[in-house]
Amino acid sequence: MKYRVLGKTGLKVSILGFGGIPIRRVSEREAVAVVNRALDLG
């Protein structure tokens, strides 16, 4: 996995992320489908 430094914090973070807040606005079934699709796509 590739990492980058986050601004001036010095923290190394992965360049790939998945925001979790919007996923709370859908049903659990839909959320699971979205996560599984993301995993399928690599």
PDB file of N, CA and C in Angstrom:
ATOM      1  N   MET A   1       0.840  -1.171   0.000  1.00  0.00           N
ATOM      2  CA  MET A   1       0.000   0.000   0.000  1.00  0.00           C
ATOM      3  C   MET A   1       0.891   1.242   0.000  1.00  0.00           C
ATOM      4  N   LYS A   2       0.456   2.249  -0.708  1.00  0.00           N
ATOM      5  CA  LYS A   2       1.217   3.490  -0.777  1.00  0.00           C
ATOM      6  C   LYS A   2       0.739   4.452   0.300  1.00  0.00           C
ATOM      7  N   TYR A   3       1.681   5.229   0.839  1.00  0.00           N
ATOM      8  CA  TYR A   3       1.385   6.197   1.887  1.00  0.00           C
ATOM      9  C   TYR A   3       1.913   7.564   1.509  1.00  0.00           C
ATOM     10  N   ARG A   4       1.303   8.587   2.093  1.00  0.00           N
ATOM     11  CA  ARG A   4       1.755   9.967   1.925  1.00  0.00           C
ATOM     12  C   ARG A   4       1.719  10.652   3.276  1.00  0.00           C
ATOM     13  N   VAL A   5       2.493  11.720   3.390  1.00  0.00           N
ATOM     14  CA  VAL A   5       2.484  12.513   4.623  1.00  0.00           C
ATOM     15  C   VAL A   5       1.276  13.447   4.570  1.00  0.00           C
ATOM     16  N   LEU A   6       0.527  13.503   5.666  1.00  0.00           N
ATOM     17  CA  LEU A   6      -0.679  14.313   5.755  1.00  0.00           C
ATOM     18  C   LEU A   6      -0.323  15.741   6.154  1.00  0.00           C
ATOM     19  N   GLY A   7      -0.316  16.623   5.160  1.00  0.00           N
ATOM     20  CA  GLY A   7      -0.028  18.034   5.419  1.00  0.00           C
ATOM     21  C   GLY A   7       1.253  18.227   6.197  1.00  0.00           C
ATOM     22  N   LYS A   8       1.189  19.077   7.206  1.00  0.00           N
ATOM     23  CA  LYS A   8       2.358  19.372   8.038  1.00  0.00           C
ATOM     24  C   LYS A   8       2.363  18.559   9.332  1.00  0.00           C
ATOM     25  N   THR A   9       1.450  17.573   9.429  1.00  0.00           N
ATOM     26  CA  THR A   9       1.330  16.789  10.656  1.00  0.00           C
ATOM     27  C   THR A   9       2.436  15.770  10.823  1.00  0.00           C
ATOM     28  N   GLY A  10       3.016  15.342   9.689  1.00  0.00           N
ATOM     29  CA  GLY A  10       4.027  14.294   9.748  1.00  0.00           C
ATOM     30  C   GLY A  10       3.435  12.894   9.791  1.00  0.00           C
ATOM     31  N   LEU A  11       2.103  12.811   9.846  1.00  0.00           N
ATOM     32  CA  LEU A  11       1.452  11.506   9.889  1.00  0.00           C
ATOM     33  C   LEU A  11       1.450  10.874   8.503  1.00  0.00           C
ATOM     34  N   LYS A  12       1.772   9.596   8.443  1.00  0.00           N
ATOM     35  CA  LYS A  12       1.710   8.869   7.182  1.00  0.00           C
ATOM     36  C   LYS A  12       0.340   8.214   7.082  1.00  0.00           C
ATOM     37  N   VAL A  13      -0.352   8.487   5.982  1.00  0.00           N
ATOM     38  CA  VAL A  13      -1.673   7.913   5.765  1.00  0.00           C
ATOM     39  C   VAL A  13      -1.697   7.218   4.412  1.00  0.00           C
ATOM     40  N   SER A  14      -2.544   6.210   4.282  1.00  0.00           N
ATOM     41  CA  SER A  14      -2.638   5.512   2.999  1.00  0.00           C
ATOM     42  C   SER A  14      -3.288   6.435   1.979  1.00  0.00           C
ATOM     43  N   ILE A  15      -2.926   6.264   0.710  1.00  0.00           N
ATOM     44  CA  ILE A  15      -3.499   7.114  -0.322  1.00  0.00           C
ATOM     45  C   ILE A  15      -4.900   6.644  -0.700  1.00  0.00           C
ATOM     46  N   LEU A  16      -5.287   5.489  -0.233  1.00  0.00           N
ATOM     47  CA  LEU A  16      -6.610   4.958  -0.510  1.00  0.00           C
ATOM     48  C   LEU A  16      -7.453   5.028   0.746  1.00  0.00           C
ATOM     49  N   GLY A  17      -8.653   5.552   0.628  1.00  0.00           N
ATOM     50  CA  GLY A  17      -9.534   5.643   1.787  1.00  0.00           C
ATOM     51  C   GLY A  17     -10.980   5.412   1.381  1.00  0.00           C
ATOM     52  N   PHE A  18     -11.785   5.130   2.343  1.00  0.00           N
ATOM     53  CA  PHE A  18     -13.212   4.937   2.106  1.00  0.00           C
ATOM     54  C   PHE A  18     -13.948   5.684   3.203  1.00  0.00           C
ATOM     55  N   GLY A  19     -14.585   6.793   2.842  1.00  0.00           N
ATOM     56  CA  GLY A  19     -15.321   7.576   3.835  1.00  0.00           C
ATOM     57  C   GLY A  19     -16.479   6.800   4.417  1.00  0.00           C
ATOM     58  N   GLY A  20     -16.620   6.833   5.716  1.00  0.00           N
ATOM     59  CA  GLY A  20     -17.644   6.032   6.361  1.00  0.00           C
ATOM     60  C   GLY A  20     -18.902   6.772   6.766  1.00  0.00           C
ATOM     61  N   ILE A  21     -18.848   8.097   6.836  1.00  0.00           N
ATOM     62  CA  ILE A  21     -20.018   8.847   7.294  1.00  0.00           C
ATOM     63  C   ILE A  21     -21.209   8.690   6.334  1.00  0.00           C
ATOM     64  N   PRO A  22     -21.035   8.891   5.015  1.00  0.00           N
ATOM     65  CA  PRO A  22     -22.199   8.754   4.123  1.00  0.00           C
ATOM     66  C   PRO A  22     -22.816   7.354   4.120  1.00  0.00           C
ATOM     67  N   ILE A  23     -22.028   6.343   4.397  1.00  0.00           N
ATOM     68  CA  ILE A  23     -22.539   4.970   4.367  1.00  0.00           C
ATOM     69  C   ILE A  23     -23.575   4.759   5.474  1.00  0.00           C
ATOM     70  N   ARG A  24     -23.586   5.628   6.464  1.00  0.00           N
ATOM     71  CA  ARG A  24     -24.549   5.508   7.562  1.00  0.00           C
ATOM     72  C   ARG A  24     -25.944   5.955   7.139  1.00  0.00           C
ATOM     73  N   ARG A  25     -26.048   6.592   5.981  1.00  0.00           N
ATOM     74  CA  ARG A  25     -27.340   7.106   5.515  1.00  0.00           C
ATOM     75  C   ARG A  25     -28.138   6.076   4.728  1.00  0.00           C
ATOM     76  N   VAL A  26     -27.576   4.902   4.527  1.00  0.00           N
ATOM     77  CA  VAL A  26     -28.270   3.849   3.788  1.00  0.00           C
ATOM     78  C   VAL A  26     -28.501   2.665   4.715  1.00  0.00           C
ATOM     79  N   SER A  27     -29.310   1.738   4.251  1.00  0.00           N
ATOM     80  CA  SER A  27     -29.584   0.553   5.072  1.00  0.00           C
ATOM     81  C   SER A  27     -28.318  -0.295   5.214  1.00  0.00           C
ATOM     82  N   GLU A  28     -28.327  -1.162   6.209  1.00  0.00           N
ATOM     83  CA  GLU A  28     -27.178  -2.051   6.412  1.00  0.00           C
ATOM     84  C   GLU A  28     -26.957  -2.918   5.174  1.00  0.00           C
ATOM     85  N   ARG A  29     -28.027  -3.371   4.582  1.00  0.00           N
ATOM     86  CA  ARG A  29     -27.930  -4.212   3.377  1.00  0.00           C
ATOM     87  C   ARG A  29     -27.219  -3.464   2.242  1.00  0.00           C
ATOM     88  N   GLU A  30     -27.611  -2.201   2.023  1.00  0.00           N
ATOM     89  CA  GLU A  30     -26.978  -1.391   0.978  1.00  0.00           C
ATOM     90  C   GLU A  30     -25.517  -1.102   1.311  1.00  0.00           C
ATOM     91  N   ALA A  31     -25.236  -0.829   2.580  1.00  0.00           N
ATOM     92  CA  ALA A  31     -23.866  -0.548   3.004  1.00  0.00           C
ATOM     93  C   ALA A  31     -22.966  -1.757   2.759  1.00  0.00           C
ATOM     94  N   VAL A  32     -23.451  -2.934   3.091  1.00  0.00           N
ATOM     95  CA  VAL A  32     -22.680  -4.160   2.867  1.00  0.00           C
ATOM     96  C   VAL A  32     -22.427  -4.349   1.372  1.00  0.00           C
ATOM     97  N   ALA A  33     -23.434  -4.073   0.551  1.00  0.00           N
ATOM     98  CA  ALA A  33     -23.277  -4.210  -0.895  1.00  0.00           C
ATOM     99  C   ALA A  33     -22.216  -3.249  -1.424  1.00  0.00           C
ATOM    100  N   VAL A  34     -22.200  -2.011  -0.923  1.00  0.00           N
ATOM    101  CA  VAL A  34     -21.211  -1.015  -1.363  1.00  0.00           C
ATOM    102  C   VAL A  34     -19.802  -1.454  -0.985  1.00  0.00           C
ATOM    103  N   VAL A  35     -19.621  -1.898   0.240  1.00  0.00           N
ATOM    104  CA  VAL A  35     -18.304  -2.330   0.696  1.00  0.00           C
ATOM    105  C   VAL A  35     -17.845  -3.563  -0.088  1.00  0.00           C
ATOM    106  N   ASN A  36     -18.730  -4.503  -0.292  1.00  0.00           N
ATOM    107  CA  ASN A  36     -18.371  -5.700  -1.071  1.00  0.00           C
ATOM    108  C   ASN A  36     -17.997  -5.346  -2.506  1.00  0.00           C
ATOM    109  N   ARG A  37     -18.709  -4.410  -3.101  1.00  0.00           N
ATOM    110  CA  ARG A  37     -18.394  -3.984  -4.461  1.00  0.00           C
ATOM    111  C   ARG A  37     -17.012  -3.334  -4.503  1.00  0.00           C
ATOM    112  N   ALA A  38     -16.708  -2.495  -3.522  1.00  0.00           N
ATOM    113  CA  ALA A  38     -15.391  -1.859  -3.465  1.00  0.00           C
ATOM    114  C   ALA A  38     -14.294  -2.925  -3.334  1.00  0.00           C
ATOM    115  N   LEU A  39     -14.520  -3.925  -2.515  1.00  0.00           N
ATOM    116  CA  LEU A  39     -13.545  -5.008  -2.371  1.00  0.00           C
ATOM    117  C   LEU A  39     -13.389  -5.783  -3.673  1.00  0.00           C
ATOM    118  N   ASP A  40     -14.506  -6.039  -4.349  1.00  0.00           N
ATOM    119  CA  ASP A  40     -14.444  -6.751  -5.627  1.00  0.00           C
ATOM    120  C   ASP A  40     -13.620  -5.986  -6.667  1.00  0.00           C
ATOM    121  N   LEU A  41     -13.700  -4.672  -6.622  1.00  0.00           N
ATOM    122  CA  LEU A  41     -12.972  -3.837  -7.585  1.00  0.00           C
ATOM    123  C   LEU A  41     -11.507  -3.618  -7.197  1.00  0.00           C
ATOM    124  N   GLY A  42     -11.151  -4.112  -6.022  1.00  0.00           N
ATOM    125  CA  GLY A  42      -9.756  -4.031  -5.585  1.00  0.00           C
ATOM    126  C   GLY A  42      -9.414  -2.735  -4.936  1.00  0.00           C
TER     127      GLY A  42
END
